[in-house]
PDB file of all heavy atoms in Angstrom:
ATOM      1  N   LEU A   1       5.420  20.687   7.222  1.00  0.00           N
ATOM      2  CA  LEU A   1       6.047  19.365   7.251  1.00  0.00           C
ATOM      3  C   LEU A   1       5.022  18.372   7.781  1.00  0.00           C
ATOM      4  O   LEU A   1       4.140  18.745   8.569  1.00  0.00           O
ATOM      5  CB  LEU A   1       7.278  19.346   8.166  1.00  0.00           C
ATOM      6  CG  LEU A   1       8.585  19.947   7.676  1.00  0.00           C
ATOM      7  CD1 LEU A   1       9.611  19.927   8.807  1.00  0.00           C
ATOM      8  CD2 LEU A   1       9.119  19.222   6.459  1.00  0.00           C
ATOM      9  N   ARG A   2       5.179  17.136   7.383  1.00  0.00           N
ATOM     10  CA  ARG A   2       4.364  16.080   7.959  1.00  0.00           C
ATOM     11  C   ARG A   2       5.276  15.017   8.550  1.00  0.00           C
ATOM     12  O   ARG A   2       6.042  14.369   7.832  1.00  0.00           O
ATOM     13  CB  ARG A   2       3.425  15.434   6.931  1.00  0.00           C
ATOM     14  CG  ARG A   2       2.423  14.493   7.583  1.00  0.00           C
ATOM     15  CD  ARG A   2       1.478  13.845   6.593  1.00  0.00           C
ATOM     16  NE  ARG A   2       2.117  12.769   5.822  1.00  0.00           N
ATOM     17  CZ  ARG A   2       1.453  11.822   5.177  1.00  0.00           C
ATOM     18  NH1 ARG A   2       0.126  11.807   5.210  1.00  0.00           N
ATOM     19  NH2 ARG A   2       2.098  10.901   4.494  1.00  0.00           N
ATOM     20  N   LEU A   3       5.187  14.865   9.852  1.00  0.00           N
ATOM     21  CA  LEU A   3       5.945  13.820  10.532  1.00  0.00           C
ATOM     22  C   LEU A   3       5.132  12.534  10.556  1.00  0.00           C
ATOM     23  O   LEU A   3       3.911  12.560  10.689  1.00  0.00           O
ATOM     24  CB  LEU A   3       6.282  14.239  11.957  1.00  0.00           C
ATOM     25  CG  LEU A   3       7.076  15.530  12.134  1.00  0.00           C
ATOM     26  CD1 LEU A   3       7.401  15.742  13.622  1.00  0.00           C
ATOM     27  CD2 LEU A   3       8.332  15.533  11.310  1.00  0.00           C
ATOM     28  N   SER A   4       5.846  11.422  10.461  1.00  0.00           N
ATOM     29  CA  SER A   4       5.230  10.111  10.573  1.00  0.00           C
ATOM     30  C   SER A   4       5.826   9.381  11.762  1.00  0.00           C
ATOM     31  O   SER A   4       7.007   9.528  12.064  1.00  0.00           O
ATOM     32  CB  SER A   4       5.467   9.289   9.306  1.00  0.00           C
ATOM     33  OG  SER A   4       4.906   9.917   8.175  1.00  0.00           O
ATOM     34  N   CYS A   5       5.007   8.588  12.393  1.00  0.00           N
ATOM     35  CA  CYS A   5       5.445   7.729  13.498  1.00  0.00           C
ATOM     36  C   CYS A   5       4.963   6.332  13.148  1.00  0.00           C
ATOM     37  O   CYS A   5       3.769   6.019  13.279  1.00  0.00           O
ATOM     38  CB  CYS A   5       4.855   8.209  14.813  1.00  0.00           C
ATOM     39  SG  CYS A   5       5.170   7.116  16.215  1.00  0.00           S
ATOM     40  N   ALA A   6       5.886   5.504  12.675  1.00  0.00           N
ATOM     41  CA  ALA A   6       5.547   4.151  12.249  1.00  0.00           C
ATOM     42  C   ALA A   6       5.858   3.169  13.364  1.00  0.00           C
ATOM     43  O   ALA A   6       6.925   3.215  13.971  1.00  0.00           O
ATOM     44  CB  ALA A   6       6.330   3.784  11.001  1.00  0.00           C
ATOM     45  N   ALA A   7       4.915   2.278  13.602  1.00  0.00           N
ATOM     46  CA  ALA A   7       5.073   1.305  14.676  1.00  0.00           C
ATOM     47  C   ALA A   7       5.354  -0.081  14.114  1.00  0.00           C
ATOM     48  O   ALA A   7       4.842  -0.451  13.058  1.00  0.00           O
ATOM     49  CB  ALA A   7       3.811   1.251  15.524  1.00  0.00           C
ATOM     50  N   SER A   8       6.160  -0.821  14.832  1.00  0.00           N
ATOM     51  CA  SER A   8       6.378  -2.232  14.518  1.00  0.00           C
ATOM     52  C   SER A   8       6.328  -3.020  15.816  1.00  0.00           C
ATOM     53  O   SER A   8       6.692  -2.512  16.868  1.00  0.00           O
ATOM     54  CB  SER A   8       7.722  -2.447  13.811  1.00  0.00           C
ATOM     55  OG  SER A   8       8.782  -2.005  14.622  1.00  0.00           O
ATOM     56  N   GLY A   9       5.832  -4.245  15.721  1.00  0.00           N
ATOM     57  CA  GLY A   9       5.755  -5.089  16.903  1.00  0.00           C
ATOM     58  C   GLY A   9       4.457  -4.961  17.674  1.00  0.00           C
ATOM     59  O   GLY A   9       4.235  -5.695  18.632  1.00  0.00           O
ATOM     60  N   PHE A  10       3.601  -4.008  17.279  1.00  0.00           N
ATOM     61  CA  PHE A  10       2.303  -3.861  17.932  1.00  0.00           C
ATOM     62  C   PHE A  10       1.382  -3.061  17.028  1.00  0.00           C
ATOM     63  O   PHE A  10       1.837  -2.375  16.109  1.00  0.00           O
ATOM     64  CB  PHE A  10       2.438  -3.186  19.296  1.00  0.00           C
ATOM     65  CG  PHE A  10       2.921  -1.755  19.245  1.00  0.00           C
ATOM     66  CD1 PHE A  10       2.021  -0.700  19.337  1.00  0.00           C
ATOM     67  CD2 PHE A  10       4.268  -1.461  19.104  1.00  0.00           C
ATOM     68  CE1 PHE A  10       2.455   0.617  19.300  1.00  0.00           C
ATOM     69  CE2 PHE A  10       4.707  -0.148  19.069  1.00  0.00           C
ATOM     70  CZ  PHE A  10       3.809   0.890  19.165  1.00  0.00           C
ATOM     71  N   ALA A  11       0.089  -3.118  17.296  1.00  0.00           N
ATOM     72  CA  ALA A  11      -0.909  -2.400  16.501  1.00  0.00           C
ATOM     73  C   ALA A  11      -1.212  -1.066  17.154  1.00  0.00           C
ATOM     74  O   ALA A  11      -1.737  -1.003  18.266  1.00  0.00           O
ATOM     75  CB  ALA A  11      -2.179  -3.233  16.377  1.00  0.00           C
ATOM     76  N   LEU A  12      -0.894   0.008  16.432  1.00  0.00           N
ATOM     77  CA  LEU A  12      -1.062   1.341  16.989  1.00  0.00           C
ATOM     78  C   LEU A  12      -2.502   1.665  17.369  1.00  0.00           C
ATOM     79  O   LEU A  12      -2.737   2.504  18.231  1.00  0.00           O
ATOM     80  CB  LEU A  12      -0.566   2.387  15.990  1.00  0.00           C
ATOM     81  CG  LEU A  12       0.895   2.821  16.090  1.00  0.00           C
ATOM     82  CD1 LEU A  12       1.211   3.851  15.035  1.00  0.00           C
ATOM     83  CD2 LEU A  12       1.208   3.339  17.471  1.00  0.00           C
ATOM     84  N   ARG A  13      -3.462   1.051  16.723  1.00  0.00           N
ATOM     85  CA  ARG A  13      -4.859   1.377  16.984  1.00  0.00           C
ATOM     86  C   ARG A  13      -5.257   1.123  18.434  1.00  0.00           C
ATOM     87  O   ARG A  13      -6.247   1.685  18.912  1.00  0.00           O
ATOM     88  CB  ARG A  13      -5.761   0.579  16.058  1.00  0.00           C
ATOM     89  CG  ARG A  13      -5.852  -0.902  16.365  1.00  0.00           C
ATOM     90  CD  ARG A  13      -6.734  -1.628  15.383  1.00  0.00           C
ATOM     91  NE  ARG A  13      -6.103  -1.695  14.068  1.00  0.00           N
ATOM     92  CZ  ARG A  13      -6.747  -2.083  12.972  1.00  0.00           C
ATOM     93  NH1 ARG A  13      -8.024  -2.405  13.015  1.00  0.00           N
ATOM     94  NH2 ARG A  13      -6.113  -2.145  11.814  1.00  0.00           N
ATOM     95  N   TYR A  14      -4.507   0.261  19.110  1.00  0.00           N
ATOM     96  CA  TYR A  14      -4.819  -0.061  20.496  1.00  0.00           C
ATOM     97  C   TYR A  14      -4.000   0.761  21.487  1.00  0.00           C
ATOM     98  O   TYR A  14      -3.984   0.465  22.694  1.00  0.00           O
ATOM     99  CB  TYR A  14      -4.586  -1.545  20.748  1.00  0.00           C
ATOM    100  CG  TYR A  14      -5.414  -2.433  19.854  1.00  0.00           C
ATOM    101  CD1 TYR A  14      -4.816  -3.352  18.990  1.00  0.00           C
ATOM    102  CD2 TYR A  14      -6.797  -2.345  19.850  1.00  0.00           C
ATOM    103  CE1 TYR A  14      -5.572  -4.158  18.153  1.00  0.00           C
ATOM    104  CE2 TYR A  14      -7.569  -3.149  19.010  1.00  0.00           C
ATOM    105  CZ  TYR A  14      -6.951  -4.052  18.170  1.00  0.00           C
ATOM    106  OH  TYR A  14      -7.695  -4.846  17.336  1.00  0.00           O
ATOM    107  N   TYR A  15      -3.312   1.781  20.987  1.00  0.00           N
ATOM    108  CA  TYR A  15      -2.444   2.581  21.815  1.00  0.00           C
ATOM    109  C   TYR A  15      -2.810   4.069  21.723  1.00  0.00           C
ATOM    110  O   TYR A  15      -3.191   4.546  20.655  1.00  0.00           O
ATOM    111  CB  TYR A  15      -0.977   2.431  21.373  1.00  0.00           C
ATOM    112  CG  TYR A  15      -0.353   1.118  21.741  1.00  0.00           C
ATOM    113  CD1 TYR A  15      -0.780  -0.061  21.155  1.00  0.00           C
ATOM    114  CD2 TYR A  15       0.666   1.058  22.683  1.00  0.00           C
ATOM    115  CE1 TYR A  15      -0.214  -1.276  21.505  1.00  0.00           C
ATOM    116  CE2 TYR A  15       1.241  -0.147  23.032  1.00  0.00           C
ATOM    117  CZ  TYR A  15       0.790  -1.316  22.438  1.00  0.00           C
ATOM    118  OH  TYR A  15       1.358  -2.511  22.784  1.00  0.00           O
ATOM    119  N   ALA A  16      -2.680   4.758  22.821  1.00  0.00           N
ATOM    120  CA  ALA A  16      -2.719   6.209  22.785  1.00  0.00           C
ATOM    121  C   ALA A  16      -1.332   6.697  22.388  1.00  0.00           C
ATOM    122  O   ALA A  16      -0.325   6.169  22.870  1.00  0.00           O
ATOM    123  CB  ALA A  16      -3.107   6.774  24.145  1.00  0.00           C
ATOM    124  N   ILE A  17      -1.291   7.697  21.516  1.00  0.00           N
ATOM    125  CA  ILE A  17      -0.030   8.191  20.968  1.00  0.00           C
ATOM    126  C   ILE A  17       0.143   9.663  21.300  1.00  0.00           C
ATOM    127  O   ILE A  17      -0.796  10.454  21.150  1.00  0.00           O
ATOM    128  CB  ILE A  17       0.010   8.024  19.436  1.00  0.00           C
ATOM    129  CG1 ILE A  17      -0.270   6.572  19.036  1.00  0.00           C
ATOM    130  CG2 ILE A  17       1.348   8.499  18.879  1.00  0.00           C
ATOM    131  CD1 ILE A  17       0.743   5.582  19.544  1.00  0.00           C
ATOM    132  N   GLY A  18       1.324  10.007  21.722  1.00  0.00           N
ATOM    133  CA  GLY A  18       1.640  11.399  21.997  1.00  0.00           C
ATOM    134  C   GLY A  18       2.772  11.889  21.118  1.00  0.00           C
ATOM    135  O   GLY A  18       3.654  11.121  20.732  1.00  0.00           O
ATOM    136  N   TRP A  19       2.715  13.167  20.781  1.00  0.00           N
ATOM    137  CA  TRP A  19       3.818  13.853  20.108  1.00  0.00           C
ATOM    138  C   TRP A  19       4.416  14.856  21.081  1.00  0.00           C
ATOM    139  O   TRP A  19       3.688  15.668  21.662  1.00  0.00           O
ATOM    140  CB  TRP A  19       3.348  14.576  18.853  1.00  0.00           C
ATOM    141  CG  TRP A  19       3.088  13.701  17.673  1.00  0.00           C
ATOM    142  CD1 TRP A  19       1.868  13.274  17.220  1.00  0.00           C
ATOM    143  CD2 TRP A  19       4.045  13.160  16.770  1.00  0.00           C
ATOM    144  NE1 TRP A  19       2.020  12.496  16.093  1.00  0.00           N
ATOM    145  CE2 TRP A  19       3.353  12.415  15.794  1.00  0.00           C
ATOM    146  CE3 TRP A  19       5.452  13.236  16.673  1.00  0.00           C
ATOM    147  CZ2 TRP A  19       3.999  11.744  14.757  1.00  0.00           C
ATOM    148  CZ3 TRP A  19       6.088  12.567  15.643  1.00  0.00           C
ATOM    149  CH2 TRP A  19       5.369  11.831  14.694  1.00  0.00           C
ATOM    150  N   PHE A  20       5.717  14.817  21.223  1.00  0.00           N
ATOM    151  CA  PHE A  20       6.432  15.713  22.118  1.00  0.00           C
ATOM    152  C   PHE A  20       7.571  16.368  21.342  1.00  0.00           C
ATOM    153  O   PHE A  20       7.976  15.892  20.293  1.00  0.00           O
ATOM    154  CB  PHE A  20       7.005  14.938  23.313  1.00  0.00           C
ATOM    155  CG  PHE A  20       5.946  14.345  24.199  1.00  0.00           C
ATOM    156  CD1 PHE A  20       5.337  13.143  23.873  1.00  0.00           C
ATOM    157  CD2 PHE A  20       5.565  14.990  25.362  1.00  0.00           C
ATOM    158  CE1 PHE A  20       4.352  12.598  24.687  1.00  0.00           C
ATOM    159  CE2 PHE A  20       4.578  14.453  26.183  1.00  0.00           C
ATOM    160  CZ  PHE A  20       3.978  13.262  25.841  1.00  0.00           C
ATOM    161  N   ARG A  21       8.081  17.443  21.901  1.00  0.00           N
ATOM    162  CA  ARG A  21       9.250  18.070  21.290  1.00  0.00           C
ATOM    163  C   ARG A  21      10.158  18.623  22.376  1.00  0.00           C
ATOM    164  O   ARG A  21       9.710  18.936  23.482  1.00  0.00           O
ATOM    165  CB  ARG A  21       8.848  19.178  20.318  1.00  0.00           C
ATOM    166  CG  ARG A  21       8.190  20.386  20.952  1.00  0.00           C
ATOM    167  CD  ARG A  21       7.708  21.348  19.874  1.00  0.00           C
ATOM    168  NE  ARG A  21       7.082  22.534  20.437  1.00  0.00           N
ATOM    169  CZ  ARG A  21       6.453  23.455  19.732  1.00  0.00           C
ATOM    170  NH1 ARG A  21       6.361  23.330  18.405  1.00  0.00           N
ATOM    171  NH2 ARG A  21       5.908  24.503  20.318  1.00  0.00           N
ATOM    172  N   GLN A  22      11.428  18.744  22.024  1.00  0.00           N
ATOM    173  CA  GLN A  22      12.395  19.274  22.964  1.00  0.00           C
ATOM    174  C   GLN A  22      13.378  20.157  22.211  1.00  0.00           C
ATOM    175  O   GLN A  22      14.091  19.688  21.313  1.00  0.00           O
ATOM    176  CB  GLN A  22      13.139  18.147  23.687  1.00  0.00           C
ATOM    177  CG  GLN A  22      14.013  18.632  24.817  1.00  0.00           C
ATOM    178  CD  GLN A  22      14.461  17.502  25.727  1.00  0.00           C
ATOM    179  OE1 GLN A  22      14.409  16.328  25.372  1.00  0.00           O
ATOM    180  NE2 GLN A  22      14.865  17.854  26.935  1.00  0.00           N
ATOM    181  N   ALA A  23      13.388  21.416  22.574  1.00  0.00           N
ATOM    182  CA  ALA A  23      14.322  22.371  22.001  1.00  0.00           C
ATOM    183  C   ALA A  23      15.571  22.428  22.871  1.00  0.00           C
ATOM    184  O   ALA A  23      15.514  22.085  24.063  1.00  0.00           O
ATOM    185  CB  ALA A  23      13.671  23.744  21.910  1.00  0.00           C
ATOM    186  N   PRO A  24      16.701  22.863  22.327  1.00  0.00           N
ATOM    187  CA  PRO A  24      17.933  22.930  23.113  1.00  0.00           C
ATOM    188  C   PRO A  24      17.756  23.767  24.372  1.00  0.00           C
ATOM    189  O   PRO A  24      17.229  24.883  24.323  1.00  0.00           O
ATOM    190  CB  PRO A  24      18.925  23.587  22.147  1.00  0.00           C
ATOM    191  CG  PRO A  24      18.418  23.231  20.798  1.00  0.00           C
ATOM    192  CD  PRO A  24      16.924  23.239  20.918  1.00  0.00           C
ATOM    193  N   GLY A  25      18.171  23.213  25.486  1.00  0.00           N
ATOM    194  CA  GLY A  25      18.086  23.928  26.749  1.00  0.00           C
ATOM    195  C   GLY A  25      16.714  23.993  27.375  1.00  0.00           C
ATOM    196  O   GLY A  25      16.533  24.666  28.403  1.00  0.00           O
ATOM    197  N   LYS A  26      15.742  23.325  26.777  1.00  0.00           N
ATOM    198  CA  LYS A  26      14.376  23.351  27.300  1.00  0.00           C
ATOM    199  C   LYS A  26      13.911  21.943  27.651  1.00  0.00           C
ATOM    200  O   LYS A  26      14.466  20.955  27.186  1.00  0.00           O
ATOM    201  CB  LYS A  26      13.427  23.980  26.277  1.00  0.00           C
ATOM    202  CG  LYS A  26      13.693  25.446  25.993  1.00  0.00           C
ATOM    203  CD  LYS A  26      12.604  26.043  25.132  1.00  0.00           C
ATOM    204  CE  LYS A  26      12.815  27.528  24.915  1.00  0.00           C
ATOM    205  NZ  LYS A  26      11.726  28.132  24.100  1.00  0.00           N
ATOM    206  N   GLU A  27      12.875  21.888  28.471  1.00  0.00           N
ATOM    207  CA  GLU A  27      12.299  20.601  28.819  1.00  0.00           C
ATOM    208  C   GLU A  27      11.448  20.057  27.661  1.00  0.00           C
ATOM    209  O   GLU A  27      10.954  20.815  26.830  1.00  0.00           O
ATOM    210  CB  GLU A  27      11.430  20.742  30.075  1.00  0.00           C
ATOM    211  CG  GLU A  27      12.216  21.044  31.329  1.00  0.00           C
ATOM    212  CD  GLU A  27      11.348  20.993  32.580  1.00  0.00           C
ATOM    213  OE1 GLU A  27      10.127  20.836  32.445  1.00  0.00           O
ATOM    214  OE2 GLU A  27      11.906  21.122  33.682  1.00  0.00           O
ATOM    215  N   ARG A  28      11.287  18.751  27.674  1.00  0.00           N
ATOM    216  CA  ARG A  28      10.414  18.131  26.682  1.00  0.00           C
ATOM    217  C   ARG A  28       8.963  18.541  26.959  1.00  0.00           C
ATOM    218  O   ARG A  28       8.511  18.514  28.109  1.00  0.00           O
ATOM    219  CB  ARG A  28      10.560  16.609  26.726  1.00  0.00           C
ATOM    220  CG  ARG A  28       9.918  15.888  25.568  1.00  0.00           C
ATOM    221  CD  ARG A  28      10.343  14.426  25.550  1.00  0.00           C
ATOM    222  NE  ARG A  28      11.787  14.276  25.332  1.00  0.00           N
ATOM    223  CZ  ARG A  28      12.402  13.107  25.139  1.00  0.00           C
ATOM    224  NH1 ARG A  28      11.678  11.992  25.103  1.00  0.00           N
ATOM    225  NH2 ARG A  28      13.695  13.055  24.985  1.00  0.00           N
ATOM    226  N   GLU A  29       8.257  18.925  25.918  1.00  0.00           N
ATOM    227  CA  GLU A  29       6.886  19.384  26.090  1.00  0.00           C
ATOM    228  C   GLU A  29       5.932  18.636  25.177  1.00  0.00           C
ATOM    229  O   GLU A  29       6.309  18.208  24.072  1.00  0.00           O
ATOM    230  CB  GLU A  29       6.778  20.888  25.806  1.00  0.00           C
ATOM    231  CG  GLU A  29       7.118  21.279  24.378  1.00  0.00           C
ATOM    232  CD  GLU A  29       6.853  22.760  24.100  1.00  0.00           C
ATOM    233  OE1 GLU A  29       6.309  23.459  24.980  1.00  0.00           O
ATOM    234  OE2 GLU A  29       7.187  23.200  22.981  1.00  0.00           O
ATOM    235  N   GLY A  30       4.700  18.489  25.640  1.00  0.00           N
ATOM    236  CA  GLY A  30       3.684  17.845  24.828  1.00  0.00           C
ATOM    237  C   GLY A  30       3.196  18.769  23.730  1.00  0.00           C
ATOM    238  O   GLY A  30       2.962  19.951  23.976  1.00  0.00           O
ATOM    239  N   VAL A  31       3.036  18.233  22.551  1.00  0.00           N
ATOM    240  CA  VAL A  31       2.572  18.998  21.392  1.00  0.00           C
ATOM    241  C   VAL A  31       1.152  18.596  21.030  1.00  0.00           C
ATOM    242  O   VAL A  31       0.282  19.450  20.842  1.00  0.00           O
ATOM    243  CB  VAL A  31       3.504  18.757  20.191  1.00  0.00           C
ATOM    244  CG1 VAL A  31       2.954  19.423  18.941  1.00  0.00           C
ATOM    245  CG2 VAL A  31       4.914  19.246  20.493  1.00  0.00           C
ATOM    246  N   SER A  32       0.931  17.285  20.958  1.00  0.00           N
ATOM    247  CA  SER A  32      -0.373  16.779  20.557  1.00  0.00           C
ATOM    248  C   SER A  32      -0.461  15.325  20.983  1.00  0.00           C
ATOM    249  O   SER A  32       0.552  14.682  21.261  1.00  0.00           O
ATOM    250  CB  SER A  32      -0.548  16.900  19.039  1.00  0.00           C
ATOM    251  OG  SER A  32      -1.781  16.338  18.633  1.00  0.00           O
ATOM    252  N   CYS A  33      -1.675  14.819  21.039  1.00  0.00           N
ATOM    253  CA  CYS A  33      -1.845  13.386  21.274  1.00  0.00           C
ATOM    254  C   CYS A  33      -3.159  12.930  20.665  1.00  0.00           C
ATOM    255  O   CYS A  33      -4.045  13.746  20.391  1.00  0.00           O
ATOM    256  CB  CYS A  33      -1.763  13.042  22.751  1.00  0.00           C
ATOM    257  SG  CYS A  33      -3.108  13.675  23.775  1.00  0.00           S
ATOM    258  N   ILE A  34      -3.240  11.613  20.445  1.00  0.00           N
ATOM    259  CA  ILE A  34      -4.447  11.022  19.878  1.00  0.00           C
ATOM    260  C   ILE A  34      -4.777   9.770  20.669  1.00  0.00           C
ATOM    261  O   ILE A  34      -3.912   8.939  20.946  1.00  0.00           O
ATOM    262  CB  ILE A  34      -4.264  10.723  18.373  1.00  0.00           C
ATOM    263  CG1 ILE A  34      -5.556  10.189  17.758  1.00  0.00           C
ATOM    264  CG2 ILE A  34      -3.093   9.782  18.117  1.00  0.00           C
ATOM    265  CD1 ILE A  34      -5.554  10.212  16.234  1.00  0.00           C
ATOM    266  N   SER A  35      -6.038   9.678  21.057  1.00  0.00           N
ATOM    267  CA  SER A  35      -6.474   8.567  21.895  1.00  0.00           C
ATOM    268  C   SER A  35      -6.711   7.314  21.069  1.00  0.00           C
ATOM    269  O   SER A  35      -7.021   7.390  19.880  1.00  0.00           O
ATOM    270  CB  SER A  35      -7.762   8.954  22.606  1.00  0.00           C
ATOM    271  OG  SER A  35      -7.566  10.097  23.407  1.00  0.00           O
ATOM    272  N   SER A  36      -6.578   6.152  21.681  1.00  0.00           N
ATOM    273  CA  SER A  36      -6.989   4.913  21.026  1.00  0.00           C
ATOM    274  C   SER A  36      -8.520   4.868  21.043  1.00  0.00           C
ATOM    275  O   SER A  36      -9.169   5.630  21.761  1.00  0.00           O
ATOM    276  CB  SER A  36      -6.403   3.709  21.752  1.00  0.00           C
ATOM    277  OG  SER A  36      -6.920   3.614  23.052  1.00  0.00           O
ATOM    278  N   GLY A  37      -9.076   4.020  20.221  1.00  0.00           N
ATOM    279  CA  GLY A  37     -10.533   3.919  20.190  1.00  0.00           C
ATOM    280  C   GLY A  37     -11.161   5.024  19.357  1.00  0.00           C
ATOM    281  O   GLY A  37     -11.200   4.959  18.140  1.00  0.00           O
TER     282      GLY A  37
END
């Protein structure tokens, strides 16, 4: 699968972005992230 994260109201290039996930009964966990710049 390919997930998309579309931004509005700001330019994503100037932001660090994280992907997280949360399964039932579990804490939210970091999956991946991408730095700005």
